N, C-alpha and C. Protein backbone atom coordinates (compact mmCIF):
# COMPACT_ATOMS: atom_id res chain seq x y z
N MET A 1 106.03 83.68 93.98
CA MET A 1 105.15 84.29 92.94
C MET A 1 105.76 85.55 92.39
N PHE A 2 106.22 86.35 93.37
CA PHE A 2 106.76 87.68 92.93
C PHE A 2 108.26 87.66 92.98
N ASP A 3 108.84 86.62 93.44
CA ASP A 3 110.31 86.58 93.64
C ASP A 3 111.10 86.99 92.47
N ASN A 4 110.80 86.32 91.31
CA ASN A 4 111.54 86.59 90.07
C ASN A 4 111.32 88.04 89.60
N GLU A 5 110.11 88.58 89.69
CA GLU A 5 109.81 89.90 89.21
C GLU A 5 110.54 90.93 90.06
N ILE A 6 110.48 90.65 91.34
CA ILE A 6 111.33 91.60 92.33
C ILE A 6 112.76 91.58 92.03
N GLU A 7 113.25 90.33 91.82
CA GLU A 7 114.71 90.22 91.55
C GLU A 7 115.10 90.99 90.31
N VAL A 8 114.32 90.94 89.21
CA VAL A 8 114.63 91.51 87.96
C VAL A 8 114.58 93.02 88.21
N LYS A 9 113.65 93.53 88.84
CA LYS A 9 113.45 94.95 89.05
C LYS A 9 114.62 95.47 89.96
N ILE A 10 114.96 94.87 90.97
CA ILE A 10 116.07 95.26 91.84
C ILE A 10 117.32 95.25 91.10
N LYS A 11 117.61 94.31 90.25
CA LYS A 11 118.82 94.29 89.51
C LYS A 11 119.10 95.51 88.56
N GLU A 12 117.98 96.14 88.20
CA GLU A 12 118.05 97.26 87.31
C GLU A 12 118.36 98.61 88.06
N LEU A 13 118.26 98.62 89.37
CA LEU A 13 118.41 99.80 90.14
C LEU A 13 119.95 100.05 90.44
N PRO A 14 120.32 101.26 90.68
CA PRO A 14 121.67 101.61 91.15
C PRO A 14 121.85 101.07 92.56
N ASP A 15 123.18 100.90 92.87
CA ASP A 15 123.53 100.31 94.28
C ASP A 15 122.99 101.08 95.43
N ASP A 16 123.00 102.39 95.36
CA ASP A 16 122.53 103.20 96.48
C ASP A 16 121.06 102.95 96.69
N VAL A 17 120.27 102.79 95.68
CA VAL A 17 118.89 102.41 95.78
C VAL A 17 118.63 100.97 96.38
N LYS A 18 119.51 100.13 95.94
CA LYS A 18 119.45 98.79 96.45
C LYS A 18 119.74 98.73 97.98
N ARG A 19 120.53 99.56 98.39
CA ARG A 19 120.83 99.68 99.81
C ARG A 19 119.66 100.21 100.67
N GLU A 20 118.90 101.10 100.04
CA GLU A 20 117.63 101.67 100.68
C GLU A 20 116.62 100.50 100.66
N ILE A 21 116.56 99.74 99.66
CA ILE A 21 115.62 98.63 99.58
C ILE A 21 115.96 97.61 100.72
N LEU A 22 117.21 97.34 100.84
CA LEU A 22 117.64 96.38 101.84
C LEU A 22 117.32 96.89 103.25
N ASP A 23 117.57 98.11 103.51
CA ASP A 23 117.16 98.83 104.78
C ASP A 23 115.65 98.75 105.03
N TYR A 24 114.88 98.93 104.02
CA TYR A 24 113.40 98.87 104.17
C TYR A 24 112.91 97.39 104.42
N ILE A 25 113.59 96.44 103.76
CA ILE A 25 113.24 95.01 103.99
C ILE A 25 113.56 94.69 105.47
N GLU A 26 114.73 95.16 105.98
CA GLU A 26 115.05 94.85 107.36
C GLU A 26 114.09 95.54 108.36
N PHE A 27 113.60 96.75 108.00
CA PHE A 27 112.66 97.41 108.84
C PHE A 27 111.34 96.51 108.84
N LEU A 28 110.95 96.08 107.70
CA LEU A 28 109.69 95.29 107.67
C LEU A 28 109.85 93.96 108.44
N GLN A 29 111.02 93.39 108.31
CA GLN A 29 111.24 92.16 109.05
C GLN A 29 111.10 92.37 110.58
N LYS A 30 111.68 93.46 111.08
CA LYS A 30 111.57 93.75 112.44
C LYS A 30 110.18 94.03 112.90
N LYS A 31 109.40 94.75 111.95
CA LYS A 31 108.13 95.18 112.30
C LYS A 31 107.15 93.94 112.40
N TYR A 32 107.31 93.07 111.54
CA TYR A 32 106.41 91.90 111.44
C TYR A 32 107.01 90.59 112.14
N LYS A 33 108.17 90.73 112.74
CA LYS A 33 108.80 89.64 113.41
C LYS A 33 107.87 89.23 114.66
N LYS A 34 107.19 90.15 115.16
CA LYS A 34 106.30 89.86 116.29
C LYS A 34 105.11 88.99 115.89
N ALA A 35 104.89 88.79 114.58
CA ALA A 35 103.77 88.03 114.10
C ALA A 35 103.91 86.55 114.57
N VAL A 36 102.73 86.00 114.73
CA VAL A 36 102.68 84.55 115.15
C VAL A 36 101.67 83.95 114.16
N ASN A 37 102.19 82.91 113.39
CA ASN A 37 101.30 82.22 112.41
C ASN A 37 100.66 83.27 111.43
N GLY A 38 101.37 84.28 111.02
CA GLY A 38 100.88 85.25 110.20
C GLY A 38 99.95 86.34 110.84
N LYS A 39 99.76 86.18 112.11
CA LYS A 39 98.89 87.22 112.80
C LYS A 39 99.78 87.97 113.87
N ARG A 40 99.44 89.20 114.08
CA ARG A 40 100.18 90.02 114.99
C ARG A 40 99.69 89.67 116.41
N LYS A 41 100.59 89.68 117.36
CA LYS A 41 100.35 89.43 118.66
C LYS A 41 99.45 90.55 119.28
N PHE A 42 98.51 90.19 120.19
CA PHE A 42 97.70 91.23 120.91
C PHE A 42 98.55 91.70 122.11
N LYS A 43 98.58 93.01 122.15
CA LYS A 43 99.41 93.63 123.23
C LYS A 43 98.43 93.87 124.39
N PHE A 44 98.92 93.69 125.62
CA PHE A 44 98.15 93.99 126.83
C PHE A 44 98.80 95.13 127.57
N ASN A 45 99.39 96.03 126.88
CA ASN A 45 100.11 97.27 127.53
C ASN A 45 99.06 98.19 128.18
N TRP A 46 97.78 98.00 127.82
CA TRP A 46 96.71 98.82 128.47
C TRP A 46 96.27 98.25 129.81
N GLU A 47 96.67 97.01 130.08
CA GLU A 47 96.11 96.28 131.26
C GLU A 47 96.27 97.20 132.52
N GLY A 48 95.24 97.24 133.27
CA GLY A 48 95.27 98.01 134.55
C GLY A 48 95.14 99.47 134.36
N ALA A 49 94.95 99.99 133.17
CA ALA A 49 94.84 101.37 133.02
C ALA A 49 93.57 102.03 133.69
N LEU A 50 92.56 101.19 133.78
CA LEU A 50 91.34 101.70 134.40
C LEU A 50 91.11 101.35 135.82
N GLU A 51 92.18 100.78 136.38
CA GLU A 51 92.09 100.35 137.81
C GLU A 51 91.60 101.44 138.70
N ARG A 52 91.94 102.62 138.56
CA ARG A 52 91.55 103.76 139.42
C ARG A 52 90.09 104.04 139.41
N LEU A 53 89.44 103.55 138.42
CA LEU A 53 87.94 103.72 138.19
C LEU A 53 87.19 102.53 138.79
N ARG A 54 87.85 101.49 139.28
CA ARG A 54 87.21 100.17 139.76
C ARG A 54 86.02 100.52 140.75
N ASP A 55 86.24 101.45 141.66
CA ASP A 55 85.24 101.64 142.74
C ASP A 55 84.13 102.55 142.23
N ARG A 56 84.23 103.31 141.12
CA ARG A 56 83.19 104.20 140.66
C ARG A 56 82.35 103.67 139.58
N PHE A 57 82.85 102.64 138.70
CA PHE A 57 82.08 102.03 137.67
C PHE A 57 82.17 100.56 137.65
N THR A 58 81.11 99.93 137.09
CA THR A 58 81.16 98.57 136.81
C THR A 58 81.80 98.26 135.48
N SER A 59 82.16 97.06 135.15
CA SER A 59 82.76 96.73 133.88
C SER A 59 81.70 96.98 132.73
N VAL A 60 80.51 96.66 133.03
CA VAL A 60 79.40 96.90 132.07
C VAL A 60 79.28 98.38 131.82
N GLU A 61 79.35 99.27 132.83
CA GLU A 61 79.24 100.76 132.56
C GLU A 61 80.37 101.18 131.68
N LEU A 62 81.50 100.69 132.02
CA LEU A 62 82.71 101.09 131.19
C LEU A 62 82.55 100.68 129.76
N GLN A 63 82.02 99.39 129.60
CA GLN A 63 81.79 98.96 128.23
C GLN A 63 80.88 99.87 127.44
N HIS A 64 79.80 100.23 128.11
CA HIS A 64 78.76 101.23 127.37
C HIS A 64 79.49 102.55 127.08
N LYS A 65 80.35 103.03 128.06
CA LYS A 65 80.93 104.26 127.80
C LYS A 65 81.88 104.15 126.61
N ALA A 66 82.62 103.06 126.52
CA ALA A 66 83.58 102.84 125.39
C ALA A 66 82.82 102.83 124.13
N SER A 67 81.52 102.17 124.10
CA SER A 67 80.79 102.16 122.91
C SER A 67 80.29 103.49 122.50
N ASP A 68 79.95 104.41 123.53
CA ASP A 68 79.51 105.78 123.23
C ASP A 68 80.72 106.56 122.60
N LEU A 69 81.89 106.26 122.93
CA LEU A 69 83.03 107.00 122.38
C LEU A 69 83.47 106.64 120.98
N ARG A 70 82.93 105.49 120.55
CA ARG A 70 83.23 105.05 119.21
C ARG A 70 82.65 105.82 118.16
């Protein structure tokens, strides 16, 4: 849909700007490469972060606390 419009606009730009555009496209490709079926993957890098609180709070209590913080 936009391919032709993008191509026309890019052709009008100087070479140094075209290089910047190419760099930005490569950045976007890396950023969204993690996407699956158009959706970003959910990260579990927080997993285990509350383990030290296991003996002090139930999961329900932690959920309520998280709701209070929003």
